[in-house]
């Protein structure tokens, strides 16, 4: 069986290597630079969550930690036995508006990273004193 890794992977998933390649191509930067940024992002988000802070990427979503209180549960190996499930801190992700809208099909057309946005000329504001003199 000499199949490559991608043919055996789940077609409904994108792994870290595929994600790095896609970001590098879209941002037109090196794969190593993207890997460094993604690794730094992971560490910063984890550190923020450990401190009880929320890491927000406006439009995309928020990463936060929630405490799940202790509760009584059932032992899966012996359903007649009740067990206490301890308090635990769990990661949560809240999707932002831009992400939600994109998944609903309201996505705005993509801009090409190589084409700079055309900026409208800015007209200078006229001060009220100058306007009265004219």
Protein backbone atom coordinates (compact mmCIF):
# COMPACT_ATOMS: atom_id res chain seq x y z
CA UNK A 1 0.00 0.00 0.00
CA UNK A 2 1.99 2.96 -1.25
CA UNK A 3 -0.83 5.52 -1.20
CA UNK A 4 0.06 9.05 -0.24
CA UNK A 5 -1.33 10.54 2.98
CA UNK A 6 -3.85 12.82 1.27
CA UNK A 7 -5.67 9.99 -0.52
CA UNK A 8 -6.20 8.18 2.78
CA UNK A 9 -7.30 11.28 4.72
CA UNK A 10 -10.89 12.27 5.31
CA UNK A 11 -12.05 14.47 2.41
CA UNK A 12 -14.20 16.46 4.86
CA UNK A 13 -11.19 17.57 6.91
CA UNK A 14 -8.25 19.85 6.29
CA UNK A 15 -5.18 18.98 8.33
CA UNK A 16 -2.53 21.43 9.54
CA UNK A 17 -0.21 20.81 6.58
CA UNK A 18 -3.02 21.46 4.09
CA UNK A 19 -4.06 24.55 6.05
CA UNK A 20 -0.49 25.90 6.03
CA UNK A 21 -0.21 25.33 2.28
CA UNK A 22 -3.55 27.06 1.59
CA UNK A 23 -2.69 30.08 3.75
CA UNK A 24 0.80 30.39 2.25
CA UNK A 25 -0.65 30.33 -1.26
CA UNK A 26 -3.47 32.79 -0.48
CA UNK A 27 -1.23 35.24 1.43
CA UNK A 28 1.63 34.79 -1.03
CA UNK A 29 4.18 34.13 1.74
CA UNK A 30 6.46 31.26 2.62
CA UNK A 31 5.10 28.11 4.26
CA UNK A 32 7.65 28.40 7.11
CA UNK A 33 6.46 31.93 7.93
CA UNK A 34 2.85 30.74 8.00
CA UNK A 35 3.80 27.82 10.28
CA UNK A 36 5.53 30.23 12.68
CA UNK A 37 2.50 32.54 12.76
CA UNK A 38 0.04 29.67 13.30
CA UNK A 39 2.20 28.25 16.11
CA UNK A 40 2.40 31.70 17.73
CA UNK A 41 -1.37 32.15 17.37
CA UNK A 42 -2.00 28.81 19.09
CA UNK A 43 0.29 29.75 22.00
CA UNK A 44 -1.16 33.24 22.44
CA UNK A 45 -4.76 31.96 22.37
CA UNK A 46 -3.94 29.17 24.86
CA UNK A 47 -2.15 31.60 27.18
CA UNK A 48 -5.08 34.04 27.05
CA UNK A 49 -7.57 31.27 27.81
CA UNK A 50 -5.45 30.03 30.73
CA UNK A 51 -5.59 33.55 32.18
CA UNK A 52 -9.39 33.56 31.86
CA UNK A 53 -9.32 35.99 28.93
CA UNK A 54 -11.24 35.74 25.68
CA UNK A 55 -9.20 35.77 22.45
CA UNK A 56 -11.29 37.59 19.83
CA UNK A 57 -10.76 37.61 16.08
CA UNK A 58 -13.40 40.16 15.09
CA UNK A 59 -15.81 38.71 12.54
CA UNK A 60 -14.30 35.23 12.76
CA UNK A 61 -15.00 34.33 16.37
CA UNK A 62 -13.90 34.14 19.98
CA UNK A 63 -11.91 31.52 21.85
CA UNK A 64 -12.70 31.29 25.55
CA UNK A 65 -12.48 28.93 28.50
CA UNK A 66 -15.57 27.90 30.44
CA UNK A 67 -15.79 26.04 33.71
CA UNK A 68 -18.08 23.03 33.68
CA UNK A 69 -19.22 22.47 37.26
CA UNK A 70 -19.03 19.07 38.90
CA UNK A 71 -22.09 16.89 38.51
CA UNK A 72 -23.34 13.38 39.07
CA UNK A 73 -23.13 10.95 36.19
CA UNK A 74 -23.33 7.26 35.34
CA UNK A 75 -20.33 4.94 35.19
CA UNK A 76 -20.27 3.77 31.53
CA UNK A 77 -18.75 0.43 32.56
CA UNK A 78 -21.40 -0.16 35.23
CA UNK A 79 -24.61 1.79 34.42
CA UNK A 80 -26.13 1.07 37.83
CA UNK A 81 -23.29 2.91 39.58
CA UNK A 82 -23.47 6.72 40.00
CA UNK A 83 -20.20 8.66 39.92
CA UNK A 84 -19.24 12.28 40.58
CA UNK A 85 -17.81 14.01 37.52
CA UNK A 86 -15.32 16.68 38.70
CA UNK A 87 -15.28 20.38 37.76
CA UNK A 88 -13.31 20.94 34.59
CA UNK A 89 -12.29 23.91 32.42
CA UNK A 90 -13.16 23.38 28.75
CA UNK A 91 -12.35 25.38 25.60
CA UNK A 92 -15.22 27.04 23.73
CA UNK A 93 -15.46 28.78 20.38
CA UNK A 94 -18.15 31.33 19.54
CA UNK A 95 -18.47 32.01 15.82
CA UNK A 96 -18.47 35.65 14.71
CA UNK A 97 -20.90 37.34 12.33
CA UNK A 98 -18.63 37.20 9.27
CA UNK A 99 -18.11 33.45 9.71
CA UNK A 100 -21.81 32.80 10.30
CA UNK A 101 -22.81 34.86 7.26
CA UNK A 102 -20.23 33.08 5.08
CA UNK A 103 -21.69 29.71 6.05
CA UNK A 104 -25.20 30.97 5.31
CA UNK A 105 -24.11 31.90 1.79
CA UNK A 106 -23.96 35.66 2.35
CA UNK A 107 -20.23 35.74 1.69
CA UNK A 108 -18.86 38.85 0.02
CA UNK A 109 -16.77 38.33 -3.13
CA UNK A 110 -13.13 37.58 -2.38
CA UNK A 111 -10.55 40.22 -3.08
CA UNK A 112 -7.36 39.28 -4.80
CA UNK A 113 -4.39 39.86 -2.47
CA UNK A 114 -2.23 41.00 -5.40
CA UNK A 115 -4.57 43.83 -6.44
CA UNK A 116 -4.49 46.89 -4.18
CA UNK A 117 -7.89 48.33 -3.31
CA UNK A 118 -8.82 51.43 -5.23
CA UNK A 119 -9.29 54.25 -2.78
CA UNK A 120 -11.78 57.00 -3.40
CA UNK A 121 -10.25 60.47 -3.39
CA UNK A 122 -10.83 62.30 -0.15
CA UNK A 123 -12.14 65.84 -0.49
CA UNK A 124 -10.72 68.28 2.03
CA UNK A 125 -13.25 69.51 4.55
CA UNK A 126 -14.07 73.17 4.48
CA UNK A 127 -14.03 74.87 7.85
CA UNK A 128 -17.25 76.77 8.74
CA UNK A 129 -15.37 80.12 8.77
CA UNK A 130 -14.07 79.55 5.25
CA UNK A 131 -17.51 78.44 4.07
CA UNK A 132 -19.11 81.66 5.35
CA UNK A 133 -16.49 83.82 3.58
CA UNK A 134 -17.13 82.23 0.19
